[in-house]
Protein backbone atom coordinates (compact mmCIF):
# COMPACT_ATOMS: atom_id res chain seq x y z
CA MET A 1 0.00 0.00 0.00
CA SER A 2 1.20 3.50 -0.67
CA LEU A 3 0.30 7.15 -1.01
CA GLN A 4 -0.54 8.23 -4.57
CA TYR A 5 -1.08 11.71 -5.94
CA THR A 6 -1.87 13.66 -9.06
CA ILE A 7 -1.60 17.39 -9.66
CA VAL A 8 -4.34 19.54 -11.20
CA PRO A 9 -3.30 23.15 -11.90
CA VAL A 10 -6.21 25.50 -11.10
CA THR A 11 -7.05 29.22 -11.36
CA PRO A 12 -5.36 31.74 -13.69
CA PHE A 13 -2.34 31.47 -11.34
CA GLN A 14 -1.91 27.77 -12.28
CA GLN A 15 -1.85 26.74 -8.64
CA ASN A 16 -0.98 23.07 -8.08
CA CYS A 17 -3.96 21.43 -6.39
CA SER A 18 -2.96 17.90 -5.37
CA ILE A 19 -5.35 14.97 -5.18
CA VAL A 20 -3.74 12.60 -2.68
CA TRP A 21 -5.04 9.11 -1.97
CA CYS A 22 -4.36 5.80 -0.24
CA ASP A 23 -4.23 3.09 -2.90
CA GLU A 24 -5.51 0.50 -0.43
CA THR A 25 -8.71 2.26 0.74
CA HIS A 26 -9.12 4.72 -2.17
CA GLU A 27 -9.78 7.47 0.38
CA ALA A 28 -8.51 10.82 -0.84
CA ALA A 29 -7.80 14.38 0.24
CA LEU A 30 -7.51 17.52 -1.86
CA VAL A 31 -4.61 19.79 -0.95
CA ASP A 32 -5.24 23.47 -1.78
CA PRO A 33 -8.39 23.35 -3.95
CA GLY A 34 -8.03 26.93 -5.14
CA GLY A 35 -10.77 26.91 -7.81
CA ASP A 36 -12.01 25.20 -10.98
CA ILE A 37 -14.21 22.90 -8.90
CA ALA A 38 -15.80 21.13 -11.89
CA GLN A 39 -12.35 20.16 -13.18
CA LEU A 40 -11.32 18.82 -9.76
CA LYS A 41 -14.52 16.81 -9.37
CA ALA A 42 -14.09 15.32 -12.85
CA LYS A 43 -10.54 14.23 -12.02
CA VAL A 44 -11.65 12.69 -8.71
CA GLN A 45 -14.34 10.73 -10.55
CA GLU A 46 -11.84 9.61 -13.19
CA LEU A 47 -9.47 8.35 -10.46
CA GLY A 48 -12.28 6.46 -8.71
CA VAL A 49 -11.38 7.78 -5.26
CA THR A 50 -13.53 9.14 -2.43
CA VAL A 51 -12.60 12.54 -1.05
CA THR A 52 -12.88 12.62 2.75
CA LYS A 53 -11.24 15.98 3.53
CA LEU A 54 -9.84 19.19 2.08
CA ILE A 55 -6.46 20.37 3.40
CA LEU A 56 -5.08 23.91 3.14
CA THR A 57 -1.42 24.90 3.37
CA HIS A 58 -2.16 28.63 3.76
CA GLY A 59 -4.83 31.26 3.29
CA HIS A 60 -4.06 32.84 -0.07
CA LEU A 61 -6.95 33.01 -2.52
CA ASP A 62 -5.38 30.94 -5.31
CA HIS A 63 -4.96 28.07 -2.82
CA VAL A 64 -8.35 28.26 -1.05
CA GLY A 65 -10.83 29.84 -3.49
CA GLY A 66 -12.77 26.66 -4.28
CA THR A 67 -12.62 25.21 -0.78
CA ALA A 68 -15.84 26.25 0.95
CA PRO A 69 -18.21 25.44 -1.97
CA LEU A 70 -16.43 22.14 -2.63
CA ALA A 71 -16.57 21.15 1.05
CA ALA A 72 -20.31 21.90 1.05
CA GLU A 73 -20.89 19.86 -2.14
CA LEU A 74 -18.88 16.86 -0.94
CA ASN A 75 -19.92 17.21 2.72
CA VAL A 76 -16.32 16.92 3.94
CA PRO A 77 -14.33 18.92 6.53
CA ILE A 78 -11.79 21.66 5.80
CA ILE A 79 -8.52 21.10 7.65
CA GLY A 80 -5.85 23.77 8.01
CA PRO A 81 -4.00 25.98 7.73
CA HIS A 82 -2.47 27.13 11.04
CA GLN A 83 -4.61 29.62 12.97
CA ASP A 84 -2.14 32.45 12.31
CA ASP A 85 -3.59 32.61 8.76
CA ALA A 86 -7.13 33.30 10.02
CA PHE A 87 -6.85 36.93 8.88
CA TRP A 88 -6.16 35.80 5.30
CA LEU A 89 -9.30 33.62 5.28
CA GLN A 90 -11.37 36.44 6.79
CA GLY A 91 -10.03 38.78 4.09
CA LEU A 92 -10.99 36.59 1.12
CA PRO A 93 -13.55 39.07 -0.29
CA GLU A 94 -10.81 41.73 -0.38
CA GLN A 95 -8.31 39.27 -1.87
CA SER A 96 -10.86 38.46 -4.62
CA GLN A 97 -11.16 42.13 -5.50
CA MET A 98 -7.39 42.70 -5.38
CA PHE A 99 -6.60 39.82 -7.77
CA GLY A 100 -9.65 40.24 -10.02
CA PHE A 101 -11.07 36.82 -9.05
CA PRO A 102 -14.77 35.99 -8.60
CA ARG A 103 -15.86 36.95 -5.08
CA THR A 104 -14.89 34.35 -2.49
CA GLU A 105 -16.60 34.57 0.90
CA ALA A 106 -14.68 34.38 4.16
CA PHE A 107 -14.77 31.03 5.96
CA GLU A 108 -13.18 29.23 8.86
CA PRO A 109 -11.84 25.65 8.63
CA ASP A 110 -13.34 22.84 10.69
CA GLN A 111 -9.89 22.25 12.18
CA TRP A 112 -6.80 24.43 12.45
CA LEU A 113 -3.46 22.68 12.15
CA ALA A 114 -0.40 22.96 14.38
CA GLU A 115 3.18 21.70 14.38
CA GLY A 116 3.25 17.96 15.08
CA ASP A 117 -0.32 17.22 13.98
CA GLU A 118 -0.96 14.16 11.85
CA ILE A 119 -3.60 13.89 9.10
CA THR A 120 -4.72 10.47 7.94
CA VAL A 121 -5.73 9.71 4.37
CA GLY A 122 -7.01 6.14 4.42
CA ASN A 123 -4.16 4.07 5.86
CA GLN A 124 -1.58 6.76 5.02
CA SER A 125 -0.56 9.68 7.19
CA LEU A 126 0.77 13.20 6.61
CA GLN A 127 2.87 14.97 9.24
CA VAL A 128 2.26 18.70 9.73
CA TYR A 129 5.08 21.25 9.96
CA HIS A 130 4.39 24.91 10.72
CA THR A 131 6.49 26.87 8.21
CA PRO A 132 5.85 30.63 8.49
CA GLY A 133 7.48 33.33 6.38
CA HIS A 134 5.36 33.44 3.22
CA THR A 135 2.31 33.69 5.46
CA PRO A 136 2.41 33.38 9.27
CA GLY A 137 0.16 30.32 9.35
CA HIS A 138 1.62 28.32 6.46
CA VAL A 139 1.98 24.55 6.95
CA VAL A 140 3.80 21.83 5.02
CA LEU A 141 2.49 18.24 4.78
CA PHE A 142 4.99 15.37 4.74
CA SER A 143 4.57 11.66 4.01
CA ASP A 144 7.56 9.77 5.38
CA SER A 145 6.52 6.51 3.70
CA ALA A 146 6.27 8.17 0.26
CA ARG A 147 9.22 10.55 0.88
CA LEU A 148 6.95 13.29 -0.40
CA ALA A 149 6.13 16.82 0.81
CA PHE A 150 3.38 19.25 -0.16
CA VAL A 151 5.02 22.61 0.50
CA GLY A 152 2.52 25.19 -0.79
CA ASP A 153 4.30 28.46 -1.49
CA VAL A 154 7.24 27.96 0.90
CA LEU A 155 9.68 26.54 -1.66
CA PHE A 156 9.81 26.27 -5.45
CA LYS A 157 12.20 24.70 -7.93
CA GLY A 158 14.87 27.39 -8.01
CA GLY A 159 12.99 29.83 -5.81
CA ILE A 160 11.17 30.55 -2.55
CA GLY A 161 7.82 32.08 -1.63
CA ARG A 162 7.25 35.83 -1.63
CA THR A 163 7.70 37.52 1.72
CA ASP A 164 6.32 40.98 0.91
CA PHE A 165 2.72 40.17 1.90
CA PRO A 166 1.31 41.24 5.30
CA GLN A 167 3.08 39.33 8.10
CA GLY A 168 5.51 37.75 5.66
CA ASP A 169 9.18 37.68 6.66
CA TYR A 170 12.19 36.67 4.58
CA GLN A 171 14.45 35.40 7.36
CA THR A 172 11.58 33.49 8.98
CA LEU A 173 10.95 31.72 5.67
CA ILE A 174 14.64 30.85 5.17
CA ASN A 175 14.77 29.49 8.74
CA ALA A 176 11.64 27.37 8.12
CA ILE A 177 13.08 25.87 4.92
CA LYS A 178 16.51 25.10 6.36
CA GLY A 179 15.32 24.16 9.85
CA LYS A 180 12.16 22.20 9.10
CA LEU A 181 12.42 20.90 5.52
CA TRP A 182 16.09 20.05 5.00
CA PRO A 183 16.23 17.67 8.00
CA LEU A 184 13.52 15.54 6.32
CA GLY A 185 16.12 14.34 3.81
CA ASN A 186 17.66 15.18 0.43
CA ASP A 187 15.69 12.36 -1.22
CA VAL A 188 12.31 13.96 -0.47
CA THR A 189 10.35 15.01 -3.56
CA PHE A 190 8.24 18.13 -3.05
CA ILE A 191 5.17 19.47 -4.81
CA PRO A 192 5.20 23.28 -4.73
CA GLY A 193 2.18 25.55 -5.03
CA HIS A 194 3.22 26.52 -8.55
CA GLY A 195 5.55 25.07 -11.17
CA PRO A 196 7.47 21.80 -11.42
CA GLN A 197 8.42 19.34 -8.69
CA SER A 198 11.94 19.02 -7.36
CA THR A 199 13.77 17.40 -4.43
CA PHE A 200 15.15 18.98 -1.28
CA GLY A 201 18.61 17.72 -2.26
CA GLN A 202 18.42 19.41 -5.64
CA GLU A 203 17.40 22.73 -4.04
CA ARG A 204 20.15 22.45 -1.43
CA ALA A 205 22.61 22.12 -4.30
CA SER A 206 21.30 24.75 -6.70
CA ASN A 207 18.55 27.04 -5.31
CA PRO A 208 20.12 30.53 -5.10
CA PHE A 209 18.05 31.45 -2.03
CA VAL A 210 18.58 28.40 0.18
CA ALA A 211 21.44 26.35 -1.25
CA ASP A 212 24.03 25.10 1.21
CA GLU A 213 26.91 27.55 1.40
CA MET A 214 29.20 27.17 -1.54
CA PRO A 215 32.96 27.26 -0.98
CA LEU A 216 34.60 30.51 -2.04
CA TYR A 217 37.37 30.20 -4.62
């Protein structure tokens, strides 16, 4: 048995929504259903899995825009992010206006997440790491068995998340990446909120923002 996933880019920002499932029970979770609900539902049906929860890494509109209506349609709980992102979820109508998206109403998840929490998807589990810096309540989800991490907008292939939003902080983000993600192992593949996958080892070697210090010649 193992954890499976597929990525469905949604919204004009091409945000990577991940459908994650246990191949033994066919129970699934959607990570960051930011919009394009019909497309997500069609993919779920095609995969033949049953969604039991929606999980959010942080409160930005392109990651959460489809969440409340989808949760209502599927009758499933919304889990995450960390409570420090409550102000982002309460400000969704303003975010919609700012980014020119259809109006998204404010909502509160059924469960906030905290460092050390564990989320089950069928017989699989995801460990929760609180990784502030891009937003104060950002979380990362890690499957040790699959050596896989869903990192939202913390880390990208060759880049890191923006830190110029309210309550963002560059050094806090760097500390979260190096202190929380790198110890998980160089072999870990990560799915970022946008763009292609990479591994922690590859980013430690080549990412200009967080690479291990290079010797000076």
